[in-house]
């Protein structure tokens, strides 16, 4: 492992020495290859949510489509294409179990919907640059057809109609590059938390057009370390609170999602004391209507049910570049970020595999400035640095068709010293 953040200055000095020793004669032409970048789609800076929302509605046309999968199931997909069709744009895909709202070709994310804007793109720089933004309700959720399976295991057969989340991503990308106007044939996938799981699955048996993937705080293993179990111990408040809303049955496609649970107690501690054993949750509240809660209660040990839902053994021969992102203070999916990076590094040694770890809570890099956490200050806007210096260049390098500097193996924010360090190897 090399010393962090030193190689750039050494190379710059060496380049200047070499340039001075071997300067061409005055009359000798210097061959050059010009890579003129087109101007941004949106000329002005996007300083706030109102500006971002306005840019989306003014510079993008929205479409909605039910995209067919190999087994005949159709997945509801919304995509936003730049109105300027004089050039081609990369595609950025976001697959989610949470809803692609707002629904309707005339409905654009409003400035008042903080969550919708944060899901629209990794940052406002992508909106300004000009991308084709694609959002899809995953199989069995919201407006998509089929049956939903939590952290769906990889397919066990190779039949023409055998499916999993990797094949759904493949079929979606195949349709997009063939049908969406003005695309340049290059696709990236990103997502935070549960959408991070779907992003990682897209890298398995990836479509040739998929060039860059960024699983961010990716759900990885719900028994060993993410969300509902930490080292096998049930994270009761997290699991109960999430599935009380997310786990409600969806008998048919819907545009409505209802979140929230009336605990009817002074605090959660009193609520769970009164509930008693975990098994009482079904008798008192869920009435066995929430499928994954039933599975969670039934499988209290690391058995075949959980092992089938561990995606790490599938991260073999990964072709797209991968940038996994995590937060040191993420109470939900810190484990998943580190383990996703580690699994790809071990099983796909030829892949461009980058790790980014910053001083954030769950998804904090996308929704906060990252300059503090509670009373702890970091003396810098770490999220701005990440979005501008790490995330945007990563996707641009692989999707724009223009050259860019290769990233280090790892970008790590060191708390205490409060500096970003880059490493050629990790750990």
Protein backbone atom coordinates (compact mmCIF):
# COMPACT_ATOMS: atom_id res chain seq x y z
CA UNK A 1 0.00 0.00 0.00
CA UNK A 2 1.48 3.33 -1.06
CA UNK A 3 1.42 6.45 1.04
CA UNK A 4 -1.79 8.36 0.52
CA UNK A 5 -2.14 11.46 -1.63
CA UNK A 6 1.53 11.72 -2.63
CA UNK A 7 1.86 10.23 -6.10
CA UNK A 8 0.21 13.15 -7.94
CA UNK A 9 2.79 15.76 -6.93
CA UNK A 10 5.71 13.42 -7.71
CA UNK A 11 4.37 12.65 -11.17
CA UNK A 12 3.79 16.33 -11.86
CA UNK A 13 7.40 17.17 -10.95
CA UNK A 14 8.74 14.31 -13.07
CA UNK A 15 6.64 15.41 -16.04
CA UNK A 16 8.02 18.95 -15.84
CA UNK A 17 11.63 17.68 -15.75
CA UNK A 18 11.09 15.38 -18.72
CA UNK A 19 9.36 18.15 -20.64
CA UNK A 20 12.31 20.48 -20.07
CA UNK A 21 14.92 17.92 -21.17
CA UNK A 22 13.15 16.80 -24.31
CA UNK A 23 11.48 19.93 -25.65
CA UNK A 24 10.76 19.73 -29.40
CA UNK A 25 12.50 22.05 -31.84
CA UNK A 26 10.75 25.30 -32.63
CA UNK A 27 9.70 24.20 -36.12
CA UNK A 28 8.60 20.71 -35.08
CA UNK A 29 4.83 20.43 -34.85
CA UNK A 30 3.50 18.79 -31.72
CA UNK A 31 0.75 16.29 -32.52
CA UNK A 32 -2.37 16.73 -30.44
CA UNK A 33 -5.64 14.96 -30.04
CA UNK A 34 -8.41 17.35 -29.11
CA UNK A 35 -11.28 16.21 -26.90
CA UNK A 36 -13.54 19.23 -26.93
CA UNK A 37 -16.23 18.80 -24.31
CA UNK A 38 -19.66 20.08 -25.32
CA UNK A 39 -21.14 22.83 -23.16
CA UNK A 40 -23.40 21.78 -20.29
CA UNK A 41 -27.03 21.18 -21.18
CA UNK A 42 -28.01 23.78 -18.55
CA UNK A 43 -25.91 26.94 -18.82
CA UNK A 44 -26.44 28.29 -15.31
CA UNK A 45 -25.35 26.87 -11.98
CA UNK A 46 -28.07 25.00 -10.07
CA UNK A 47 -27.74 26.57 -6.65
CA UNK A 48 -30.79 25.15 -4.88
CA UNK A 49 -33.68 22.70 -5.17
CA UNK A 50 -35.88 25.24 -6.93
CA UNK A 51 -33.24 25.68 -9.65
CA UNK A 52 -32.83 21.91 -10.04
CA UNK A 53 -36.57 21.32 -10.32
CA UNK A 54 -36.90 24.13 -12.85
CA UNK A 55 -34.00 22.78 -14.93
CA UNK A 56 -35.56 19.31 -15.05
CA UNK A 57 -38.92 20.58 -16.26
CA UNK A 58 -37.43 23.05 -18.75
CA UNK A 59 -34.65 20.94 -20.25
CA UNK A 60 -36.01 17.37 -20.11
CA UNK A 61 -38.96 15.53 -21.66
CA UNK A 62 -40.51 12.80 -19.54
CA UNK A 63 -41.69 9.44 -20.88
CA UNK A 64 -43.28 6.42 -19.20
CA UNK A 65 -43.03 2.87 -20.46
CA UNK A 66 -43.76 -0.68 -19.32
CA UNK A 67 -40.60 -2.51 -20.32
CA UNK A 68 -41.01 -6.27 -20.97
CA UNK A 69 -38.71 -8.74 -19.22
CA UNK A 70 -37.71 -12.13 -20.64
CA UNK A 71 -40.51 -13.91 -18.78
CA UNK A 72 -43.18 -11.52 -20.06
CA UNK A 73 -43.53 -9.43 -16.89
CA UNK A 74 -43.50 -5.68 -17.54
CA UNK A 75 -41.71 -3.18 -15.31
CA UNK A 76 -42.94 0.40 -15.02
CA UNK A 77 -40.21 2.81 -16.06
CA UNK A 78 -40.02 6.59 -16.25
CA UNK A 79 -37.25 8.28 -18.19
CA UNK A 80 -36.28 11.88 -18.73
CA UNK A 81 -34.53 12.77 -22.01
CA UNK A 82 -32.87 16.12 -22.76
CA UNK A 83 -34.96 18.28 -25.08
CA UNK A 84 -31.82 19.23 -26.98
CA UNK A 85 -31.41 16.36 -29.46
CA UNK A 86 -28.38 17.74 -31.27
CA UNK A 87 -26.07 15.37 -29.39
CA UNK A 88 -26.19 12.04 -27.61
CA UNK A 89 -26.30 11.44 -23.87
CA UNK A 90 -25.39 8.63 -21.47
CA UNK A 91 -28.11 6.78 -19.57
CA UNK A 92 -28.19 6.73 -15.76
CA UNK A 93 -30.48 4.02 -14.37
CA UNK A 94 -31.97 3.90 -10.87
CA UNK A 95 -34.01 0.81 -9.92
CA UNK A 96 -36.03 1.14 -6.73
CA UNK A 97 -38.60 -0.66 -4.57
CA UNK A 98 -39.74 2.68 -3.13
CA UNK A 99 -41.57 4.35 -6.08
CA UNK A 100 -40.53 6.37 -9.12
CA UNK A 101 -42.99 9.12 -8.21
CA UNK A 102 -44.28 11.47 -9.41
CA UNK A 103 -46.32 9.40 -11.87
CA UNK A 104 -47.61 10.85 -15.14
CA UNK A 105 -45.69 12.15 -18.16
CA UNK A 106 -46.56 15.72 -17.22
CA UNK A 107 -45.51 15.32 -13.58
CA UNK A 108 -41.96 16.39 -12.76
CA UNK A 109 -40.22 16.32 -9.35
CA UNK A 110 -41.23 19.54 -7.57
CA UNK A 111 -38.86 21.67 -5.56
CA UNK A 112 -40.92 20.87 -2.46
CA UNK A 113 -40.25 17.11 -2.71
CA UNK A 114 -36.78 16.78 -1.21
CA UNK A 115 -36.72 12.99 -1.50
CA UNK A 116 -37.83 12.90 -5.13
CA UNK A 117 -35.11 15.37 -6.12
CA UNK A 118 -32.42 13.41 -4.27
CA UNK A 119 -33.52 10.24 -6.04
CA UNK A 120 -33.64 11.90 -9.45
CA UNK A 121 -29.86 12.11 -9.88
CA UNK A 122 -26.76 11.55 -7.75
CA UNK A 123 -26.23 15.33 -7.74
CA UNK A 124 -27.28 18.45 -9.59
CA UNK A 125 -24.12 18.29 -11.70
CA UNK A 126 -25.62 15.41 -13.67
CA UNK A 127 -28.78 17.42 -14.35
CA UNK A 128 -26.72 20.35 -15.57
CA UNK A 129 -24.35 18.24 -17.68
CA UNK A 130 -27.06 16.38 -19.56
CA UNK A 131 -27.89 12.73 -18.90
CA UNK A 132 -30.85 10.50 -19.68
CA UNK A 133 -32.31 9.71 -16.26
CA UNK A 134 -34.19 6.42 -15.94
CA UNK A 135 -36.21 5.34 -12.89
CA UNK A 136 -37.84 1.93 -12.57
CA UNK A 137 -40.17 0.31 -10.06
CA UNK A 138 -38.61 -3.11 -9.49
CA UNK A 139 -40.55 -6.29 -10.06
CA UNK A 140 -43.64 -6.54 -7.86
CA UNK A 141 -43.42 -3.03 -6.41
CA UNK A 142 -45.66 -0.01 -7.01
CA UNK A 143 -46.66 0.09 -10.70
CA UNK A 144 -44.57 -2.85 -11.96
CA UNK A 145 -45.92 -6.29 -12.69
CA UNK A 146 -44.82 -9.58 -11.18
CA UNK A 147 -44.22 -10.68 -7.62
CA UNK A 148 -41.85 -8.92 -5.26
CA UNK A 149 -39.22 -10.93 -3.39
CA UNK A 150 -37.04 -9.19 -0.79
CA UNK A 151 -33.31 -9.35 -1.63
CA UNK A 152 -34.23 -11.83 -4.34
CA UNK A 153 -31.76 -14.74 -4.56
CA UNK A 154 -29.87 -15.28 -7.80
CA UNK A 155 -31.53 -17.52 -10.34
CA UNK A 156 -30.71 -21.21 -10.03
CA UNK A 157 -31.56 -22.23 -13.60
CA UNK A 158 -30.47 -21.10 -17.04
CA UNK A 159 -33.79 -21.35 -18.80
CA UNK A 160 -34.89 -18.63 -21.21
CA UNK A 161 -37.42 -17.37 -18.67
CA UNK A 162 -35.44 -17.78 -15.44
CA UNK A 163 -35.12 -14.37 -13.79
CA UNK A 164 -33.50 -12.49 -10.94
CA UNK A 165 -32.59 -8.86 -10.34
CA UNK A 166 -29.54 -9.16 -12.60
CA UNK A 167 -31.60 -10.36 -15.56
CA UNK A 168 -34.19 -7.64 -14.96
CA UNK A 169 -31.41 -5.03 -15.07
CA UNK A 170 -29.97 -6.63 -18.22
CA UNK A 171 -33.33 -6.69 -20.02
CA UNK A 172 -34.06 -3.12 -18.98
CA UNK A 173 -30.71 -1.84 -20.27
CA UNK A 174 -31.14 -3.77 -23.51
CA UNK A 175 -34.50 -2.09 -24.12
CA UNK A 176 -33.20 1.36 -23.19
CA UNK A 177 -30.22 1.44 -25.54
CA UNK A 178 -32.44 0.22 -28.40
CA UNK A 179 -35.42 2.52 -27.87
CA UNK A 180 -34.59 5.69 -25.92
CA UNK A 181 -33.81 8.59 -28.26
CA UNK A 182 -30.44 10.35 -28.30
CA UNK A 183 -28.60 7.84 -26.07
CA UNK A 184 -24.88 7.24 -26.65
CA UNK A 185 -25.01 3.52 -25.89
CA UNK A 186 -23.34 3.85 -22.48
CA UNK A 187 -25.21 3.12 -19.25
CA UNK A 188 -24.51 3.67 -15.56
CA UNK A 189 -26.48 2.35 -12.60
CA UNK A 190 -26.59 3.85 -9.12
CA UNK A 191 -28.61 3.59 -5.94
CA UNK A 192 -28.48 4.16 -2.18
CA UNK A 193 -29.51 1.54 0.42
CA UNK A 194 -32.04 -0.91 -1.08
CA UNK A 195 -31.53 0.63 -4.55
CA UNK A 196 -27.82 0.06 -3.88
CA UNK A 197 -28.57 -3.67 -3.77
CA UNK A 198 -30.22 -3.43 -7.19
CA UNK A 199 -27.27 -1.44 -8.54
CA UNK A 200 -24.84 -4.13 -7.42
CA UNK A 201 -26.97 -6.86 -9.01
CA UNK A 202 -26.78 -5.07 -12.36
CA UNK A 203 -23.01 -5.72 -12.38
CA UNK A 204 -23.55 -9.50 -12.32
CA UNK A 205 -23.65 -10.89 -15.86
CA UNK A 206 -23.83 -7.28 -16.98
CA UNK A 207 -25.16 -6.02 -20.28
CA UNK A 208 -22.27 -4.90 -22.56
CA UNK A 209 -23.62 -1.33 -22.55
CA UNK A 210 -23.30 -1.11 -18.75
CA UNK A 211 -20.01 0.68 -18.11
CA UNK A 212 -20.22 2.01 -14.54
CA UNK A 213 -22.04 0.92 -11.38
CA UNK A 214 -22.19 2.64 -7.99
CA UNK A 215 -23.75 0.66 -5.13
CA UNK A 216 -24.04 3.15 -2.28
CA UNK A 217 -24.71 1.84 1.25
CA UNK A 218 -25.88 -1.31 -0.53
CA UNK A 219 -28.11 -3.79 1.28
CA UNK A 220 -25.96 -6.92 1.19
CA UNK A 221 -26.53 -9.48 3.94
CA UNK A 222 -29.56 -8.98 6.17
CA UNK A 223 -28.37 -11.54 8.70
CA UNK A 224 -24.65 -10.92 9.15
CA UNK A 225 -24.43 -7.16 9.17
CA UNK A 226 -26.99 -5.02 7.39
CA UNK A 227 -30.19 -3.39 8.62
CA UNK A 228 -32.20 -6.02 10.49
CA UNK A 229 -29.44 -8.15 12.00
CA UNK A 230 -26.01 -7.09 13.19
CA UNK A 231 -23.80 -10.14 13.65
CA UNK A 232 -26.97 -12.22 13.84
CA UNK A 233 -28.62 -10.12 16.57
CA UNK A 234 -32.06 -8.83 15.58
CA UNK A 235 -32.24 -5.04 15.23
CA UNK A 236 -35.87 -5.06 16.39
CA UNK A 237 -36.80 -1.38 16.17
CA UNK A 238 -35.36 -1.10 12.67
CA UNK A 239 -36.95 -4.28 11.33
CA UNK A 240 -40.36 -3.65 12.88
CA UNK A 241 -40.52 -0.01 11.86
CA UNK A 242 -39.49 -0.70 8.27
CA UNK A 243 -41.75 -3.66 7.57
CA UNK A 244 -44.77 -2.14 9.31
CA UNK A 245 -44.89 0.10 6.23
CA UNK A 246 -42.77 -1.42 3.47
CA UNK A 247 -44.04 -4.95 3.98
CA UNK A 248 -47.75 -4.27 3.48
CA UNK A 249 -49.25 -6.50 0.76
CA UNK A 250 -49.68 -5.02 -2.72
CA UNK A 251 -52.44 -7.04 -4.40
CA UNK A 252 -52.23 -5.03 -7.62
CA UNK A 253 -50.13 -2.22 -9.13
CA UNK A 254 -50.57 1.08 -7.33
CA UNK A 255 -49.23 4.62 -7.34
CA UNK A 256 -49.88 5.05 -3.63
CA UNK A 257 -47.54 4.08 -0.81
CA UNK A 258 -48.42 4.59 2.83
CA UNK A 259 -45.65 4.90 5.38
CA UNK A 260 -45.94 5.12 9.11
CA UNK A 261 -47.16 3.09 12.07
CA UNK A 262 -49.12 4.32 15.08
CA UNK A 263 -47.06 3.07 18.00
CA UNK A 264 -49.53 4.56 20.49
CA UNK A 265 -46.84 4.73 23.17
CA UNK A 266 -44.74 7.36 24.88
CA UNK A 267 -41.55 5.94 23.38
CA UNK A 268 -40.35 2.86 21.49
CA UNK A 269 -38.82 1.29 24.58
CA UNK A 270 -42.20 1.20 26.29
CA UNK A 271 -43.87 -0.02 23.10
CA UNK A 272 -41.59 -3.03 22.67
CA UNK A 273 -41.68 -3.88 26.38
CA UNK A 274 -45.47 -4.02 26.15
CA UNK A 275 -45.35 -6.09 22.95
CA UNK A 276 -43.33 -8.81 24.63
CA UNK A 277 -41.61 -11.57 22.60
CA UNK A 278 -40.98 -10.94 18.91
CA UNK A 279 -43.55 -13.59 18.05
CA UNK A 280 -46.25 -11.34 19.51
CA UNK A 281 -45.83 -8.84 16.68
CA UNK A 282 -47.93 -11.04 14.40
CA UNK A 283 -50.64 -11.68 16.97
CA UNK A 284 -50.97 -8.04 17.98
CA UNK A 285 -50.14 -6.06 14.86
CA UNK A 286 -49.14 -7.75 11.60
CA UNK A 287 -51.65 -10.65 11.59
CA UNK A 288 -49.22 -12.67 9.43
CA UNK A 289 -49.90 -10.37 6.46
CA UNK A 290 -46.29 -9.26 6.06
CA UNK A 291 -44.47 -12.04 4.23
CA UNK A 292 -40.89 -11.06 4.99
CA UNK A 293 -41.61 -10.51 8.68
CA UNK A 294 -42.89 -14.09 8.80
CA UNK A 295 -39.67 -15.26 7.17
CA UNK A 296 -37.54 -13.18 9.50
CA UNK A 297 -39.19 -14.68 12.60
CA UNK A 298 -39.05 -18.21 11.24
CA UNK A 299 -35.36 -18.06 10.29
CA UNK A 300 -33.62 -17.01 13.47
CA UNK A 301 -30.31 -18.63 12.53
CA UNK A 302 -27.97 -18.36 9.56
CA UNK A 303 -29.67 -21.05 7.49
CA UNK A 304 -30.22 -21.69 3.78
CA UNK A 305 -32.84 -18.92 3.60
CA UNK A 306 -30.30 -16.23 4.50
CA UNK A 307 -27.40 -17.82 2.66
CA UNK A 308 -29.37 -17.73 -0.60
CA UNK A 309 -29.88 -13.99 -0.07
CA UNK A 310 -26.20 -13.21 0.36
CA UNK A 311 -25.22 -11.76 -3.04
CA UNK A 312 -21.46 -11.73 -2.46
CA UNK A 313 -20.69 -15.13 -4.01
CA UNK A 314 -22.17 -13.83 -7.27
CA UNK A 315 -19.70 -10.96 -7.70
CA UNK A 316 -17.46 -12.92 -10.05
CA UNK A 317 -16.04 -11.74 -13.36
CA UNK A 318 -17.55 -8.28 -12.94
CA UNK A 319 -17.00 -6.24 -16.12
CA UNK A 320 -18.29 -2.69 -15.42
CA UNK A 321 -16.30 -0.28 -13.30
CA UNK A 322 -17.64 -0.26 -9.73
CA UNK A 323 -17.52 2.49 -7.13
CA UNK A 324 -18.95 1.41 -3.77
CA UNK A 325 -19.77 4.18 -1.30
CA UNK A 326 -20.33 3.99 2.45
CA UNK A 327 -20.49 6.08 5.60
CA UNK A 328 -18.45 5.42 8.73
CA UNK A 329 -21.49 6.32 10.86
CA UNK A 330 -24.11 4.39 8.90
CA UNK A 331 -26.19 2.40 11.40
CA UNK A 332 -27.90 0.43 8.64
CA UNK A 333 -25.53 -0.59 5.84
CA UNK A 334 -21.92 0.18 6.72
CA UNK A 335 -21.22 -3.55 6.63
CA UNK A 336 -22.68 -3.89 3.14
CA UNK A 337 -20.48 -1.20 1.63
CA UNK A 338 -17.24 -2.68 2.94
CA UNK A 339 -18.23 -6.25 2.11
CA UNK A 340 -19.41 -5.44 -1.41
CA UNK A 341 -16.06 -3.84 -2.18
CA UNK A 342 -14.19 -6.75 -0.61
CA UNK A 343 -16.17 -9.42 -2.50
CA UNK A 344 -15.61 -7.77 -5.88
CA UNK A 345 -11.94 -7.19 -5.13
CA UNK A 346 -11.44 -10.86 -4.28
CA UNK A 347 -13.51 -12.45 -7.04
CA UNK A 348 -13.08 -9.94 -9.89
CA UNK A 349 -9.43 -8.88 -9.66
CA UNK A 350 -9.49 -7.41 -13.17
CA UNK A 351 -12.33 -5.00 -12.45
CA UNK A 352 -11.94 -1.31 -11.74
CA UNK A 353 -13.14 -1.48 -8.15
CA UNK A 354 -13.17 1.72 -6.10
CA UNK A 355 -14.15 2.24 -2.46
CA UNK A 356 -15.28 5.57 -1.00
CA UNK A 357 -15.79 5.93 2.76
CA UNK A 358 -16.77 9.24 4.33
CA UNK A 359 -17.97 10.60 7.69
CA UNK A 360 -21.64 10.12 6.95
CA UNK A 361 -24.75 8.52 8.33
CA UNK A 362 -26.97 6.44 6.04
CA UNK A 363 -26.98 8.15 2.64
CA UNK A 364 -25.67 11.36 4.17
CA UNK A 365 -23.45 12.12 1.16
CA UNK A 366 -26.58 12.71 -0.95
CA UNK A 367 -28.72 14.76 1.46
CA UNK A 368 -26.36 16.70 3.74
CA UNK A 369 -23.29 18.89 3.33
CA UNK A 370 -21.32 16.42 5.43
CA UNK A 371 -19.61 19.12 7.47
CA UNK A 372 -20.77 17.73 10.80
CA UNK A 373 -22.57 14.85 12.45
CA UNK A 374 -24.37 15.87 15.60
CA UNK A 375 -21.92 17.95 17.60
CA UNK A 376 -18.86 16.58 15.77
CA UNK A 377 -17.51 18.87 13.05
CA UNK A 378 -15.28 17.85 10.14
CA UNK A 379 -14.18 21.36 9.07
CA UNK A 380 -15.15 20.74 5.45
CA UNK A 381 -18.19 20.05 3.31
CA UNK A 382 -17.28 16.42 2.74
CA UNK A 383 -20.38 15.67 0.67
CA UNK A 384 -19.60 18.47 -1.79
CA UNK A 385 -16.07 17.11 -2.19
CA UNK A 386 -17.42 13.63 -2.83
CA UNK A 387 -20.08 14.71 -5.32
CA UNK A 388 -17.81 17.08 -7.28
CA UNK A 389 -14.39 15.43 -7.07
CA UNK A 390 -15.21 11.72 -6.86
CA UNK A 391 -18.72 10.72 -7.94
CA UNK A 392 -19.29 12.95 -10.97
CA UNK A 393 -15.82 12.32 -12.49
CA UNK A 394 -16.28 8.55 -12.02
CA UNK A 395 -19.44 8.44 -14.12
CA UNK A 396 -18.19 11.02 -16.62
CA UNK A 397 -15.04 9.02 -17.28
CA UNK A 398 -16.96 5.89 -18.18
CA UNK A 399 -20.14 7.28 -19.72
CA UNK A 400 -19.29 10.49 -21.56
CA UNK A 401 -16.94 8.94 -24.11
CA UNK A 402 -14.26 11.45 -23.16
CA UNK A 403 -11.02 10.54 -21.36
CA UNK A 404 -10.53 11.20 -17.68
CA UNK A 405 -8.03 10.43 -14.95
CA UNK A 406 -8.29 6.98 -13.39
CA UNK A 407 -9.42 7.11 -9.75
CA UNK A 408 -7.37 5.74 -6.86
CA UNK A 409 -8.32 2.40 -5.38
CA UNK A 410 -9.86 4.08 -2.34
CA UNK A 411 -10.93 7.50 -1.16
CA UNK A 412 -11.06 7.46 2.64
CA UNK A 413 -12.00 10.34 4.92
CA UNK A 414 -9.98 10.16 8.12
CA UNK A 415 -11.98 11.41 11.07
CA UNK A 416 -9.93 13.16 13.73
CA UNK A 417 -7.41 14.53 11.25
CA UNK A 418 -10.40 15.46 9.06
CA UNK A 419 -8.70 14.95 5.70
CA UNK A 420 -9.45 12.99 2.57
CA UNK A 421 -6.75 10.47 1.69
CA UNK A 422 -6.41 8.49 -1.53
CA UNK A 423 -4.84 5.03 -1.63
CA UNK A 424 -3.56 2.80 -4.40
CA UNK A 425 -4.56 -0.27 -2.39
CA UNK A 426 -7.05 -0.97 0.38
CA UNK A 427 -6.81 -1.92 3.14
